[in-house]
Protein backbone atom coordinates (compact mmCIF):
# COMPACT_ATOMS: atom_id res chain seq x y z
CA MET A 1 25.66 31.20 -66.33
CA VAL A 2 22.52 29.82 -68.21
CA SER A 3 20.78 31.97 -70.50
CA ALA A 4 17.29 33.12 -71.00
CA THR A 5 16.90 30.51 -74.52
CA ASN A 6 18.69 28.41 -71.80
CA GLU A 7 21.92 27.93 -73.16
CA GLN A 8 25.15 26.96 -71.44
CA LEU A 9 27.47 30.78 -71.28
CA GLY A 10 29.68 29.04 -69.47
CA ILE A 11 31.62 30.75 -65.65
CA MET A 12 31.88 34.04 -66.28
CA ASN A 13 32.50 37.45 -64.36
CA LEU A 14 29.23 39.16 -61.95
CA ARG A 15 29.34 42.54 -63.71
CA ASP A 16 29.74 41.13 -67.19
CA ALA A 17 26.71 38.74 -66.31
CA LEU A 18 24.70 42.19 -65.18
CA GLN A 19 25.57 43.74 -67.87
CA MET A 20 24.72 40.79 -70.65
CA ALA A 21 20.74 40.79 -68.19
CA ALA A 22 20.65 44.06 -68.59
CA ASP A 23 21.03 44.08 -72.07
CA GLN A 24 18.09 41.80 -72.40
CA GLN A 25 16.51 43.71 -70.67
CA LEU A 26 16.10 40.41 -67.53
CA ASP A 27 16.92 40.14 -64.80
CA LEU A 28 20.23 37.88 -63.34
CA VAL A 29 19.11 34.97 -61.03
CA GLU A 30 21.37 33.13 -58.76
CA VAL A 31 19.27 29.29 -58.70
CA ALA A 32 22.06 27.63 -57.07
CA PRO A 33 24.16 29.36 -54.45
CA ASN A 34 26.29 26.84 -52.88
CA ALA A 35 27.38 25.27 -56.31
CA LYS A 36 31.14 26.34 -56.87
CA PRO A 37 30.92 28.45 -58.63
CA PRO A 38 27.36 29.58 -58.35
CA ALA A 39 24.87 29.32 -60.65
CA CYS A 40 23.04 31.88 -62.36
CA ARG A 41 20.29 32.14 -65.02
CA ILE A 42 19.41 35.27 -66.92
CA MET A 43 15.17 36.10 -66.96
CA ASP A 44 12.33 37.99 -66.35
CA PHE A 45 11.83 37.52 -62.69
CA GLY A 46 8.36 38.62 -62.31
CA LYS A 47 6.92 36.27 -64.83
CA PHE A 48 8.84 33.81 -63.59
CA ARG A 49 6.93 34.54 -60.03
CA PHE A 50 3.61 35.03 -61.56
CA GLU A 51 3.81 31.41 -63.30
CA GLN A 52 4.64 30.63 -59.77
CA GLN A 53 1.92 31.83 -58.01
CA LYS A 54 -0.19 30.65 -60.92
CA ARG A 55 1.13 26.87 -60.80
CA ASP A 56 0.81 26.68 -56.81
CA LYS A 57 -3.06 27.77 -57.05
CA GLU A 58 -3.99 25.59 -59.20
CA ALA A 59 -2.28 22.80 -56.83
CA LYS A 60 -4.30 24.26 -54.37
CA LYS A 61 -7.50 24.01 -55.98
CA LYS A 62 -6.71 19.99 -56.68
CA GLN A 63 -6.32 19.14 -53.31
CA LYS A 64 -8.78 18.40 -50.62
CA VAL A 65 -8.38 19.85 -47.09
CA ILE A 66 -10.01 17.44 -44.57
CA THR A 67 -11.35 19.07 -41.34
CA LEU A 68 -12.23 18.05 -38.13
CA LYS A 69 -15.78 17.45 -37.23
CA GLU A 70 -16.68 17.00 -33.53
CA VAL A 71 -19.91 15.19 -32.22
CA LYS A 72 -20.12 15.02 -28.44
CA LEU A 73 -22.65 12.27 -26.64
CA ARG A 74 -22.82 12.31 -23.05
CA PRO A 75 -22.58 8.44 -21.20
CA ASN A 76 -26.61 7.93 -20.38
CA ILE A 77 -27.73 9.12 -23.93
CA GLU A 78 -30.80 7.46 -24.65
CA ASP A 79 -31.55 6.17 -28.39
CA HIS A 80 -33.08 8.60 -30.06
CA ASP A 81 -30.45 10.89 -29.59
CA TYR A 82 -28.21 8.40 -30.38
CA ASP A 83 -29.06 7.70 -34.02
CA VAL A 84 -29.49 11.09 -34.11
CA LYS A 85 -25.68 12.05 -33.49
CA LYS A 86 -25.17 8.59 -35.75
CA LYS A 87 -26.74 9.95 -38.70
CA ASN A 88 -24.51 13.60 -38.24
CA ALA A 89 -21.60 11.89 -38.39
CA GLN A 90 -22.58 9.63 -41.24
CA ARG A 91 -23.18 12.77 -43.21
CA PHE A 92 -19.70 14.42 -41.96
CA ILE A 93 -18.00 11.11 -43.03
CA ALA A 94 -19.94 11.03 -46.39
CA ASP A 95 -18.25 14.93 -47.24
CA GLY A 96 -15.11 13.16 -46.64
CA ASP A 97 -14.52 14.80 -43.32
CA LYS A 98 -12.89 13.25 -40.04
CA VAL A 99 -15.19 12.85 -37.29
CA LYS A 100 -13.80 13.07 -33.57
CA VAL A 101 -16.40 11.46 -31.39
CA THR A 102 -16.60 13.25 -27.87
CA ILE A 103 -17.78 11.49 -24.93
CA MET A 104 -18.44 13.95 -21.65
CA PHE A 105 -18.22 13.00 -18.29
CA ARG A 106 -19.91 15.30 -15.65
CA GLY A 107 -19.45 14.15 -11.91
CA ARG A 108 -19.58 10.42 -11.14
CA GLU A 109 -20.15 9.51 -14.35
CA LEU A 110 -16.04 9.54 -14.32
CA ALA A 111 -16.06 6.54 -11.93
CA HIS A 112 -17.88 4.53 -14.88
CA PRO A 113 -15.34 5.39 -18.05
CA GLU A 114 -16.53 1.89 -19.25
CA LEU A 115 -19.91 3.28 -20.00
CA GLY A 116 -17.89 5.73 -22.23
CA ARG A 117 -16.06 3.06 -23.99
CA GLN A 118 -19.39 1.29 -25.16
CA ILE A 119 -21.24 4.01 -26.74
CA LEU A 120 -17.37 4.47 -28.66
CA VAL A 121 -17.76 0.64 -29.38
CA ARG A 122 -20.92 0.34 -30.46
CA MET A 123 -20.82 4.00 -32.62
CA ALA A 124 -17.11 2.45 -34.44
CA ASN A 125 -19.03 -0.85 -35.10
CA GLU A 126 -21.97 0.82 -36.59
CA MET A 127 -19.93 3.09 -38.87
CA LYS A 128 -17.50 0.20 -39.89
CA GLU A 129 -18.11 0.82 -43.20
CA PRO A 130 -18.01 4.06 -44.10
CA ALA A 131 -15.20 5.06 -41.84
CA ILE A 132 -12.21 3.67 -40.18
CA VAL A 133 -10.70 4.38 -36.67
CA GLU A 134 -7.74 6.20 -36.69
CA ARG A 135 -7.54 6.65 -33.13
CA GLU A 136 -9.02 3.83 -30.82
CA PRO A 137 -11.04 5.42 -28.06
CA LYS A 138 -9.31 7.41 -25.66
CA ILE A 139 -9.58 9.28 -22.18
CA GLU A 140 -8.56 12.90 -21.40
CA GLY A 141 -9.33 14.61 -18.30
CA ARG A 142 -13.16 14.69 -18.21
CA ASN A 143 -13.58 13.78 -21.73
CA MET A 144 -13.29 10.61 -23.71
CA PHE A 145 -12.63 10.61 -27.34
CA MET A 146 -12.56 8.78 -30.55
CA ILE A 147 -11.02 9.65 -34.09
CA LEU A 148 -13.13 8.39 -37.41
CA THR A 149 -12.01 9.21 -40.49
CA PRO A 150 -13.68 7.96 -44.27
CA ARG A 151 -12.02 4.63 -45.77
CA PRO A 152 -10.26 4.83 -49.54
CA PRO A 153 -12.19 4.50 -52.66
CA LYS A 154 -11.73 1.08 -53.85
CA VAL A 155 -9.40 0.19 -56.54
CA GLN A 156 -10.99 -2.29 -58.95
CA GLN A 157 -7.97 -4.25 -60.66
CA ALA A 158 -9.28 -6.89 -63.43
CA PRO A 159 -8.47 -10.62 -63.16
CA ALA A 160 -5.55 -11.88 -64.57
CA LYS A 161 -7.73 -14.94 -65.83
CA GLN A 162 -10.10 -12.20 -68.17
CA GLY A 163 -6.97 -10.58 -70.26
CA ALA A 164 -6.07 -14.67 -71.27
CA HIS A 165 -9.28 -14.80 -72.12
CA SER A 166 -9.51 -11.54 -74.76
CA GLN A 167 -5.53 -13.16 -76.06
CA ASN A 168 -7.65 -16.45 -77.16
CA ALA A 169 -10.32 -14.66 -78.19
CA ALA A 170 -8.26 -12.47 -80.53
CA ALA A 171 -6.48 -15.07 -81.30
CA GLN A 172 -9.57 -17.00 -82.68
CA PRO A 173 -11.08 -14.85 -85.57
CA VAL A 174 -7.43 -14.93 -87.35
CA ALA A 175 -7.71 -18.49 -87.35
CA ALA A 176 -11.02 -18.23 -88.90
CA SER A 177 -10.15 -16.24 -91.29
CA GLN A 178 -7.24 -18.61 -92.09
CA LYS A 179 -9.24 -21.24 -93.14
CA LYS A 180 -11.61 -19.09 -95.58
CA GLU A 181 -8.84 -18.63 -97.58
CA GLU A 182 -7.57 -22.44 -98.16
């Protein structure tokens, strides 16, 4: 049993613990039911739940929700239409979303899946800088798709040599000041 001020109260009877919590106008909360004996704490449970919800809400604000956007193409797409679709995919990637590039086949087009694969590979090569291919081109039913995801931001690391030069630079003024004193 732990009090509201985090003091260890030791092992006690359930009635005594409930009475002690009621005297302080607080709640008796079981925090470790599987322990032998079960661990309980005296606390204001309403306040605890409010603070927990507040922390959860704050954590939810900080996380980025990644959505999956889709760009649909046909195997016999013209260059200008392809460029428009590519520009849309680049915009989605820049916004931090994943992009599903889908080639839709109809009728006899399904006999030539290599045409769709060429378009997806072309898209992957042209989007190499802002995006990474998360899932390679795969055919599923009448559609072939590929998933692109934004590249993680690059972390710049300072070279080790720079640190050594700065230590020598710091040591030089000290040596110069010692010469002046002599």
